[in-house]
Amino acid sequence: MAYVVTNAPAHAGVIAPPPLIALATVVLGLGLDRVLPAYVLTVLLSFPLRLVLALLLAGAGGALILSAEMRFRAAGTAVLPGRPATALVTDGVYAYVRNPMYVGLALVTAAIAVALASDWTLVLMVPSAALMHVGVVKREERYLEALFGEAYRHYRACVPRYGWPG
């Protein structure tokens, strides 16, 4: 189901586009791997095992992102957080997780780290996730509550933010 509004505020005011945050995490992680290599993933996981694990992570992440984008497009609302939201999407994958694109992006980032044996990228995912939570997700939540009011508060109470209760 999608709750539609006609005069939306400009946007959520996120600190950066989420794909840019993920890209910065990978680039910085790969750079640190060159300067301070740890070799943990290389020692713990064989190359074929890393590839299988990376494909599973990327497949799951890609499926979440694609299904979420399809729901946004079907509802006629913007996919990018820097654009106005015109509908509150609560069906499809959004009936189970409020932020499937960000969970999917984290899974894809982890897939890249595992495939490339980038220990630092995995380590940097922790501060990156905190940055996404505070600088993107929390800002979007305030924006959506201001925009959709009680409908968003009800949705927020019923559906977990990242797919797990709590």
N, C-alpha and C. Protein backbone atom coordinates (compact mmCIF):
# COMPACT_ATOMS: atom_id res chain seq x y z
N MET A 1 0.85 -1.17 0.00
CA MET A 1 0.00 0.00 0.00
C MET A 1 0.90 1.23 0.00
N ALA A 2 0.44 2.29 -0.62
CA ALA A 2 1.20 3.55 -0.64
C ALA A 2 0.28 4.68 -0.21
N TYR A 3 0.73 5.46 0.75
CA TYR A 3 0.01 6.65 1.18
C TYR A 3 0.59 7.82 0.38
N VAL A 4 -0.23 8.51 -0.36
CA VAL A 4 0.25 9.54 -1.28
C VAL A 4 -0.03 10.92 -0.73
N VAL A 5 0.95 11.82 -0.90
CA VAL A 5 0.78 13.23 -0.56
C VAL A 5 1.08 14.04 -1.80
N THR A 6 0.57 15.24 -1.85
CA THR A 6 0.78 16.05 -3.04
C THR A 6 1.77 17.19 -2.85
N ASN A 7 1.86 17.77 -1.65
CA ASN A 7 2.82 18.88 -1.47
C ASN A 7 3.86 18.49 -0.43
N ALA A 8 4.90 17.80 -0.88
CA ALA A 8 5.95 17.31 0.01
C ALA A 8 7.02 18.37 0.22
N PRO A 9 7.62 18.41 1.44
CA PRO A 9 8.80 19.25 1.64
C PRO A 9 9.91 18.83 0.68
N ALA A 10 10.92 19.62 0.57
CA ALA A 10 11.96 19.40 -0.43
C ALA A 10 12.60 18.01 -0.34
N HIS A 11 13.14 17.64 0.81
CA HIS A 11 13.78 16.34 0.95
C HIS A 11 14.16 16.11 2.41
N ALA A 12 14.75 14.95 2.69
CA ALA A 12 15.06 14.55 4.06
C ALA A 12 16.31 15.22 4.62
N GLY A 13 17.15 15.80 3.78
CA GLY A 13 18.37 16.45 4.25
C GLY A 13 19.43 15.48 4.73
N VAL A 14 19.60 14.37 4.03
CA VAL A 14 20.63 13.40 4.41
C VAL A 14 22.01 13.98 4.17
N ILE A 15 23.01 13.49 4.90
CA ILE A 15 24.35 14.07 4.81
C ILE A 15 25.07 13.74 3.51
N ALA A 16 24.72 12.61 2.89
CA ALA A 16 25.33 12.20 1.62
C ALA A 16 24.49 11.09 1.03
N PRO A 17 24.54 10.92 -0.28
CA PRO A 17 23.82 9.78 -0.88
C PRO A 17 24.39 8.46 -0.35
N PRO A 18 23.54 7.55 0.09
CA PRO A 18 24.01 6.28 0.65
C PRO A 18 25.00 5.51 -0.25
N PRO A 19 24.80 5.45 -1.59
CA PRO A 19 25.80 4.76 -2.39
C PRO A 19 27.19 5.41 -2.30
N LEU A 20 27.23 6.72 -2.12
CA LEU A 20 28.51 7.41 -1.98
C LEU A 20 29.19 7.02 -0.66
N ILE A 21 28.40 6.87 0.40
CA ILE A 21 28.96 6.43 1.69
C ILE A 21 29.53 5.02 1.55
N ALA A 22 28.80 4.14 0.87
CA ALA A 22 29.28 2.77 0.66
C ALA A 22 30.55 2.77 -0.20
N LEU A 23 30.56 3.56 -1.25
CA LEU A 23 31.74 3.64 -2.12
C LEU A 23 32.95 4.15 -1.34
N ALA A 24 32.76 5.17 -0.53
CA ALA A 24 33.86 5.70 0.28
C ALA A 24 34.38 4.63 1.25
N THR A 25 33.48 3.82 1.79
CA THR A 25 33.89 2.74 2.70
C THR A 25 34.78 1.74 1.97
N VAL A 26 34.38 1.36 0.76
CA VAL A 26 35.17 0.39 -0.02
C VAL A 26 36.51 0.99 -0.43
N VAL A 27 36.50 2.21 -0.94
CA VAL A 27 37.75 2.84 -1.41
C VAL A 27 38.73 3.02 -0.25
N LEU A 28 38.24 3.54 0.87
CA LEU A 28 39.10 3.73 2.04
C LEU A 28 39.59 2.38 2.56
N GLY A 29 38.71 1.40 2.59
CA GLY A 29 39.10 0.07 3.05
C GLY A 29 40.18 -0.54 2.18
N LEU A 30 40.02 -0.45 0.87
CA LEU A 30 41.03 -0.99 -0.04
C LEU A 30 42.36 -0.24 0.10
N GLY A 31 42.27 1.07 0.32
CA GLY A 31 43.49 1.84 0.53
C GLY A 31 44.21 1.40 1.80
N LEU A 32 43.48 1.21 2.87
CA LEU A 32 44.09 0.74 4.12
C LEU A 32 44.64 -0.67 3.98
N ASP A 33 43.99 -1.51 3.17
CA ASP A 33 44.51 -2.86 2.93
C ASP A 33 45.90 -2.81 2.30
N ARG A 34 46.13 -1.81 1.47
CA ARG A 34 47.45 -1.69 0.82
C ARG A 34 48.50 -1.19 1.80
N VAL A 35 48.10 -0.28 2.70
CA VAL A 35 49.05 0.33 3.63
C VAL A 35 49.28 -0.54 4.86
N LEU A 36 48.20 -1.11 5.40
CA LEU A 36 48.26 -1.93 6.61
C LEU A 36 47.53 -3.25 6.40
N PRO A 37 48.07 -4.13 5.56
CA PRO A 37 47.35 -5.38 5.28
C PRO A 37 47.23 -6.26 6.52
N ALA A 38 46.07 -6.91 6.66
CA ALA A 38 45.84 -7.79 7.80
C ALA A 38 45.78 -9.26 7.37
N TYR A 39 45.32 -9.53 6.17
CA TYR A 39 45.26 -10.88 5.60
C TYR A 39 44.34 -11.84 6.36
N VAL A 40 43.42 -11.33 7.16
CA VAL A 40 42.54 -12.21 7.94
C VAL A 40 41.62 -13.01 7.02
N LEU A 41 40.94 -12.32 6.11
CA LEU A 41 40.02 -13.03 5.21
C LEU A 41 40.78 -13.99 4.30
N THR A 42 41.96 -13.60 3.88
CA THR A 42 42.77 -14.45 3.00
C THR A 42 43.15 -15.74 3.72
N VAL A 43 43.47 -15.64 5.01
CA VAL A 43 43.87 -16.83 5.79
C VAL A 43 42.65 -17.67 6.16
N LEU A 44 41.56 -17.03 6.54
CA LEU A 44 40.39 -17.77 7.02
C LEU A 44 39.57 -18.42 5.92
N LEU A 45 39.50 -17.77 4.76
CA LEU A 45 38.62 -18.26 3.69
C LEU A 45 39.40 -18.46 2.40
N SER A 46 39.23 -19.62 1.80
CA SER A 46 39.86 -19.86 0.50
C SER A 46 39.21 -18.95 -0.55
N PHE A 47 39.90 -18.77 -1.65
CA PHE A 47 39.36 -17.91 -2.71
C PHE A 47 38.00 -18.42 -3.22
N PRO A 48 37.85 -19.72 -3.51
CA PRO A 48 36.53 -20.18 -3.97
C PRO A 48 35.43 -19.96 -2.92
N LEU A 49 35.75 -20.17 -1.65
CA LEU A 49 34.77 -19.96 -0.60
C LEU A 49 34.40 -18.48 -0.49
N ARG A 50 35.39 -17.60 -0.61
CA ARG A 50 35.12 -16.16 -0.59
C ARG A 50 34.20 -15.77 -1.74
N LEU A 51 34.45 -16.34 -2.91
CA LEU A 51 33.60 -16.00 -4.07
C LEU A 51 32.16 -16.47 -3.87
N VAL A 52 31.98 -17.67 -3.35
CA VAL A 52 30.63 -18.18 -3.10
C VAL A 52 29.92 -17.30 -2.08
N LEU A 53 30.61 -16.99 -0.98
CA LEU A 53 30.03 -16.14 0.05
C LEU A 53 29.71 -14.75 -0.50
N ALA A 54 30.62 -14.21 -1.30
CA ALA A 54 30.39 -12.89 -1.90
C ALA A 54 29.19 -12.91 -2.84
N LEU A 55 29.06 -13.96 -3.63
CA LEU A 55 27.91 -14.06 -4.53
C LEU A 55 26.60 -14.16 -3.76
N LEU A 56 26.59 -14.90 -2.65
CA LEU A 56 25.38 -15.00 -1.84
C LEU A 56 25.03 -13.65 -1.22
N LEU A 57 26.02 -12.95 -0.68
CA LEU A 57 25.78 -11.64 -0.08
C LEU A 57 25.30 -10.64 -1.14
N ALA A 58 25.98 -10.63 -2.28
CA ALA A 58 25.61 -9.69 -3.34
C ALA A 58 24.22 -10.01 -3.90
N GLY A 59 23.91 -11.29 -4.04
CA GLY A 59 22.60 -11.68 -4.53
C GLY A 59 21.49 -11.26 -3.58
N ALA A 60 21.69 -11.50 -2.30
CA ALA A 60 20.69 -11.10 -1.30
C ALA A 60 20.55 -9.58 -1.27
N GLY A 61 21.68 -8.87 -1.26
CA GLY A 61 21.64 -7.41 -1.24
C GLY A 61 21.00 -6.84 -2.49
N GLY A 62 21.38 -7.38 -3.63
CA GLY A 62 20.80 -6.91 -4.89
C GLY A 62 19.30 -7.15 -4.97
N ALA A 63 18.87 -8.30 -4.47
CA ALA A 63 17.43 -8.62 -4.47
C ALA A 63 16.66 -7.63 -3.60
N LEU A 64 17.21 -7.31 -2.43
CA LEU A 64 16.55 -6.34 -1.55
C LEU A 64 16.46 -4.97 -2.23
N ILE A 65 17.57 -4.52 -2.79
CA ILE A 65 17.60 -3.21 -3.44
C ILE A 65 16.63 -3.17 -4.61
N LEU A 66 16.68 -4.17 -5.46
CA LEU A 66 15.82 -4.19 -6.64
C LEU A 66 14.33 -4.24 -6.26
N SER A 67 13.97 -5.09 -5.31
CA SER A 67 12.56 -5.18 -4.94
C SER A 67 12.09 -3.87 -4.30
N ALA A 68 12.95 -3.23 -3.52
CA ALA A 68 12.59 -1.96 -2.89
C ALA A 68 12.42 -0.86 -3.94
N GLU A 69 13.36 -0.79 -4.87
CA GLU A 69 13.25 0.22 -5.93
C GLU A 69 11.99 0.02 -6.77
N MET A 70 11.66 -1.22 -7.04
CA MET A 70 10.45 -1.51 -7.82
C MET A 70 9.20 -1.02 -7.10
N ARG A 71 9.15 -1.18 -5.77
CA ARG A 71 8.00 -0.70 -5.00
C ARG A 71 7.92 0.82 -5.04
N PHE A 72 9.07 1.50 -4.91
CA PHE A 72 9.09 2.97 -4.99
C PHE A 72 8.60 3.44 -6.35
N ARG A 73 9.11 2.82 -7.40
CA ARG A 73 8.71 3.24 -8.76
C ARG A 73 7.22 2.99 -9.00
N ALA A 74 6.72 1.86 -8.50
CA ALA A 74 5.29 1.56 -8.65
C ALA A 74 4.43 2.58 -7.92
N ALA A 75 4.93 3.09 -6.80
CA ALA A 75 4.19 4.09 -6.03
C ALA A 75 4.39 5.51 -6.58
N GLY A 76 5.33 5.65 -7.52
CA GLY A 76 5.57 6.96 -8.11
C GLY A 76 6.32 7.92 -7.21
N THR A 77 7.15 7.39 -6.31
CA THR A 77 7.92 8.25 -5.42
C THR A 77 9.41 8.13 -5.73
N ALA A 78 10.17 9.10 -5.29
CA ALA A 78 11.60 9.15 -5.59
C ALA A 78 12.36 8.05 -4.87
N VAL A 79 13.33 7.48 -5.57
CA VAL A 79 14.20 6.46 -4.99
C VAL A 79 15.32 7.12 -4.19
N LEU A 80 15.86 8.20 -4.70
CA LEU A 80 16.98 8.88 -4.05
C LEU A 80 16.51 9.73 -2.88
N PRO A 81 17.22 9.67 -1.74
CA PRO A 81 16.77 10.42 -0.56
C PRO A 81 16.92 11.94 -0.69
N GLY A 82 17.60 12.41 -1.69
CA GLY A 82 17.75 13.85 -1.89
C GLY A 82 16.58 14.46 -2.64
N ARG A 83 15.62 13.64 -3.00
CA ARG A 83 14.44 14.11 -3.74
C ARG A 83 13.21 14.00 -2.85
N PRO A 84 12.15 14.74 -3.17
CA PRO A 84 10.94 14.69 -2.33
C PRO A 84 10.25 13.33 -2.36
N ALA A 85 9.79 12.90 -1.21
CA ALA A 85 8.97 11.69 -1.11
C ALA A 85 7.52 12.11 -1.36
N THR A 86 6.86 11.38 -2.22
CA THR A 86 5.46 11.69 -2.51
C THR A 86 4.52 10.57 -2.09
N ALA A 87 5.10 9.45 -1.62
CA ALA A 87 4.28 8.33 -1.16
C ALA A 87 5.03 7.57 -0.08
N LEU A 88 4.29 7.05 0.87
CA LEU A 88 4.84 6.18 1.91
C LEU A 88 4.55 4.74 1.49
N VAL A 89 5.59 4.02 1.12
CA VAL A 89 5.44 2.66 0.64
C VAL A 89 5.52 1.70 1.84
N THR A 90 4.50 0.88 2.00
CA THR A 90 4.43 -0.03 3.15
C THR A 90 4.17 -1.47 2.74
N ASP A 91 4.18 -1.76 1.45
CA ASP A 91 3.91 -3.13 1.01
C ASP A 91 5.16 -3.74 0.38
N GLY A 92 5.03 -4.98 -0.08
CA GLY A 92 6.18 -5.67 -0.65
C GLY A 92 7.23 -5.88 0.44
N VAL A 93 8.48 -5.67 0.09
CA VAL A 93 9.57 -5.85 1.05
C VAL A 93 9.45 -4.86 2.21
N TYR A 94 8.79 -3.72 1.97
CA TYR A 94 8.62 -2.72 3.01
C TYR A 94 7.64 -3.15 4.11
N ALA A 95 6.94 -4.24 3.91
CA ALA A 95 6.09 -4.78 4.96
C ALA A 95 6.92 -5.52 6.02
N TYR A 96 8.20 -5.79 5.70
CA TYR A 96 9.07 -6.56 6.59
C TYR A 96 10.26 -5.76 7.11
N VAL A 97 10.69 -4.77 6.36
CA VAL A 97 11.85 -3.97 6.74
C VAL A 97 11.66 -2.54 6.21
N ARG A 98 11.92 -1.56 7.07
CA ARG A 98 11.70 -0.16 6.67
C ARG A 98 12.81 0.37 5.76
N ASN A 99 13.98 -0.21 5.82
CA ASN A 99 15.12 0.30 5.04
C ASN A 99 15.79 -0.80 4.23
N PRO A 100 15.06 -1.47 3.35
CA PRO A 100 15.66 -2.58 2.60
C PRO A 100 16.79 -2.16 1.67
N MET A 101 16.73 -0.94 1.13
CA MET A 101 17.81 -0.51 0.25
C MET A 101 19.12 -0.37 1.01
N TYR A 102 19.06 0.11 2.24
CA TYR A 102 20.28 0.30 3.01
C TYR A 102 20.82 -1.02 3.53
N VAL A 103 19.94 -1.94 3.89
CA VAL A 103 20.38 -3.28 4.28
C VAL A 103 21.01 -3.95 3.06
N GLY A 104 20.37 -3.82 1.91
CA GLY A 104 20.93 -4.38 0.68
C GLY A 104 22.27 -3.78 0.32
N LEU A 105 22.41 -2.48 0.48
CA LEU A 105 23.67 -1.81 0.19
C LEU A 105 24.78 -2.31 1.12
N ALA A 106 24.45 -2.53 2.38
CA ALA A 106 25.43 -3.08 3.33
C ALA A 106 25.84 -4.50 2.92
N LEU A 107 24.89 -5.30 2.47
CA LEU A 107 25.21 -6.66 2.03
C LEU A 107 26.11 -6.64 0.79
N VAL A 108 25.83 -5.74 -0.15
CA VAL A 108 26.67 -5.62 -1.35
C VAL A 108 28.07 -5.13 -0.97
N THR A 109 28.16 -4.19 -0.05
CA THR A 109 29.46 -3.72 0.41
C THR A 109 30.25 -4.86 1.06
N ALA A 110 29.58 -5.64 1.90
CA ALA A 110 30.22 -6.80 2.52
C ALA A 110 30.66 -7.80 1.46
N ALA A 111 29.85 -7.98 0.42
CA ALA A 111 30.20 -8.90 -0.66
C ALA A 111 31.49 -8.46 -1.35
N ILE A 112 31.62 -7.17 -1.61
CA ILE A 112 32.83 -6.65 -2.24
C ILE A 112 34.03 -6.89 -1.32
N ALA A 113 33.85 -6.62 -0.04
CA ALA A 113 34.93 -6.81 0.92
C ALA A 113 35.37 -8.27 0.96
N VAL A 114 34.43 -9.18 1.00
CA VAL A 114 34.76 -10.60 1.07
C VAL A 114 35.42 -11.05 -0.23
N ALA A 115 34.86 -10.67 -1.37
CA ALA A 115 35.41 -11.09 -2.65
C ALA A 115 36.86 -10.61 -2.82
N LEU A 116 37.13 -9.39 -2.38
CA LEU A 116 38.47 -8.81 -2.54
C LEU A 116 39.36 -9.05 -1.32
N ALA A 117 38.86 -9.81 -0.35
CA ALA A 117 39.59 -10.08 0.90
C ALA A 117 40.03 -8.77 1.55
N SER A 118 39.12 -7.81 1.59
CA SER A 118 39.42 -6.50 2.16
C SER A 118 38.97 -6.46 3.62
N ASP A 119 39.89 -6.82 4.50
CA ASP A 119 39.60 -6.81 5.93
C ASP A 119 39.19 -5.42 6.40
N TRP A 120 39.89 -4.40 5.92
CA TRP A 120 39.60 -3.04 6.36
C TRP A 120 38.23 -2.56 5.92
N THR A 121 37.77 -3.01 4.76
CA THR A 121 36.43 -2.61 4.33
C THR A 121 35.39 -3.17 5.31
N LEU A 122 35.57 -4.41 5.73
CA LEU A 122 34.64 -4.98 6.72
C LEU A 122 34.71 -4.22 8.03
N VAL A 123 35.91 -3.86 8.47
CA VAL A 123 36.05 -3.10 9.71
C VAL A 123 35.38 -1.73 9.57
N LEU A 124 35.60 -1.07 8.44
CA LEU A 124 35.04 0.27 8.22
C LEU A 124 33.52 0.26 8.04
N MET A 125 32.95 -0.92 7.83
CA MET A 125 31.49 -0.98 7.72
C MET A 125 30.82 -0.61 9.04
N VAL A 126 31.52 -0.77 10.15
CA VAL A 126 30.93 -0.42 11.46
C VAL A 126 30.74 1.09 11.57
N PRO A 127 31.79 1.91 11.40
CA PRO A 127 31.54 3.35 11.44
C PRO A 127 30.67 3.84 10.28
N SER A 128 30.77 3.17 9.15
CA SER A 128 29.92 3.54 8.01
C SER A 128 28.45 3.30 8.33
N ALA A 129 28.15 2.19 8.99
CA ALA A 129 26.76 1.89 9.38
C ALA A 129 26.26 2.93 10.39
N ALA A 130 27.13 3.33 11.32
CA ALA A 130 26.75 4.36 12.29
C ALA A 130 26.48 5.68 11.59
N LEU A 131 27.33 6.03 10.64
CA LEU A 131 27.13 7.25 9.85
C LEU A 131 25.82 7.19 9.07
N MET A 132 25.53 6.06 8.45
CA MET A 132 24.28 5.89 7.71
C MET A 132 23.08 6.01 8.65
N HIS A 133 23.19 5.42 9.82
CA HIS A 133 22.08 5.45 10.76
C HIS A 133 21.76 6.88 11.21
N VAL A 134 22.80 7.60 11.62
CA VAL A 134 22.60 8.95 12.14
C VAL A 134 22.41 9.99 11.03
N GLY A 135 23.21 9.88 10.00
CA GLY A 135 23.20 10.91 8.96
C GLY A 135 22.20 10.71 7.84
N VAL A 136 21.65 9.51 7.73
CA VAL A 136 20.69 9.24 6.66
C VAL A 136 19.36 8.74 7.25
N VAL A 137 19.39 7.59 7.90
CA VAL A 137 18.15 6.94 8.35
C VAL A 137 17.38 7.81 9.35
N LYS A 138 18.04 8.29 10.39
CA LYS A 138 17.33 9.10 11.39
C LYS A 138 16.76 10.38 10.77
N ARG A 139 17.49 10.98 9.84
CA ARG A 139 16.98 12.18 9.17
C ARG A 139 15.78 11.86 8.29
N GLU A 140 15.85 10.74 7.59
CA GLU A 140 14.71 10.32 6.78
C GLU A 140 13.49 10.04 7.66
N GLU A 141 13.71 9.42 8.80
CA GLU A 141 12.59 9.13 9.70
C GLU A 141 11.90 10.41 10.17
N ARG A 142 12.68 11.42 10.54
CA ARG A 142 12.09 12.70 10.96
C ARG A 142 11.30 13.32 9.80
N TYR A 143 11.88 13.27 8.62
CA TYR A 143 11.23 13.81 7.42
C TYR A 143 9.91 13.09 7.14
N LEU A 144 9.95 11.76 7.16
CA LEU A 144 8.75 10.98 6.85
C LEU A 144 7.66 11.16 7.91
N GLU A 145 8.07 11.30 9.16
CA GLU A 145 7.08 11.55 10.21
C GLU A 145 6.43 12.92 10.02
N ALA A 146 7.24 13.92 9.68
CA ALA A 146 6.68 15.25 9.44
C ALA A 146 5.77 15.24 8.23
N LEU A 147 6.10 14.45 7.25
CA LEU A 147 5.36 14.42 5.99
C LEU A 147 4.08 13.58 6.08
N PHE A 148 4.18 12.40 6.68
CA PHE A 148 3.05 11.46 6.67
C PHE A 148 2.36 11.29 8.03
N GLY A 149 2.92 11.89 9.08
CA GLY A 149 2.28 11.91 10.39
C GLY A 149 1.94 10.54 10.94
N GLU A 150 0.67 10.37 11.31
CA GLU A 150 0.21 9.16 11.97
C GLU A 150 0.42 7.91 11.13
N ALA A 151 0.27 8.01 9.82
CA ALA A 151 0.48 6.84 8.95
C ALA A 151 1.91 6.33 9.10
N TYR A 152 2.88 7.24 9.14
CA TYR A 152 4.28 6.82 9.30
C TYR A 152 4.54 6.30 10.71
N ARG A 153 3.98 6.95 11.72
CA ARG A 153 4.18 6.48 13.09
C ARG A 153 3.63 5.05 13.26
N HIS A 154 2.49 4.78 12.68
CA HIS A 154 1.92 3.43 12.74
C HIS A 154 2.83 2.44 12.01
N TYR A 155 3.28 2.80 10.83
CA TYR A 155 4.19 1.94 10.06
C TYR A 155 5.47 1.67 10.84
N ARG A 156 6.04 2.72 11.41
CA ARG A 156 7.28 2.60 12.18
C ARG A 156 7.09 1.66 13.38
N ALA A 157 5.93 1.71 14.01
CA ALA A 157 5.65 0.85 15.17
C ALA A 157 5.48 -0.61 14.77
N CYS A 158 5.10 -0.86 13.53
CA CYS A 158 4.78 -2.24 13.11
C CYS A 158 5.92 -2.94 12.36
N VAL A 159 6.83 -2.17 11.75
CA VAL A 159 7.84 -2.77 10.88
C VAL A 159 9.23 -2.40 11.40
N PRO A 160 10.10 -3.40 11.60
CA PRO A 160 11.44 -3.09 12.10
C PRO A 160 12.29 -2.31 11.09
N ARG A 161 13.13 -1.46 11.62
CA ARG A 161 13.95 -0.56 10.80
C ARG A 161 14.86 -1.33 9.84
N TYR A 162 15.58 -2.30 10.35
CA TYR A 162 16.56 -3.03 9.53
C TYR A 162 16.19 -4.50 9.33
N GLY A 163 14.99 -4.87 9.69
CA GLY A 163 14.53 -6.22 9.45
C GLY A 163 14.54 -7.14 10.65
N TRP A 164 15.13 -6.70 11.75
CA TRP A 164 15.10 -7.49 12.96
C TRP A 164 14.41 -6.69 14.05
N PRO A 165 13.70 -7.36 14.94
CA PRO A 165 12.96 -6.65 15.99
C PRO A 165 13.90 -5.85 16.89
N GLY A 166 13.35 -4.76 17.42
CA GLY A 166 14.14 -4.02 18.38
C GLY A 166 14.21 -2.57 18.20
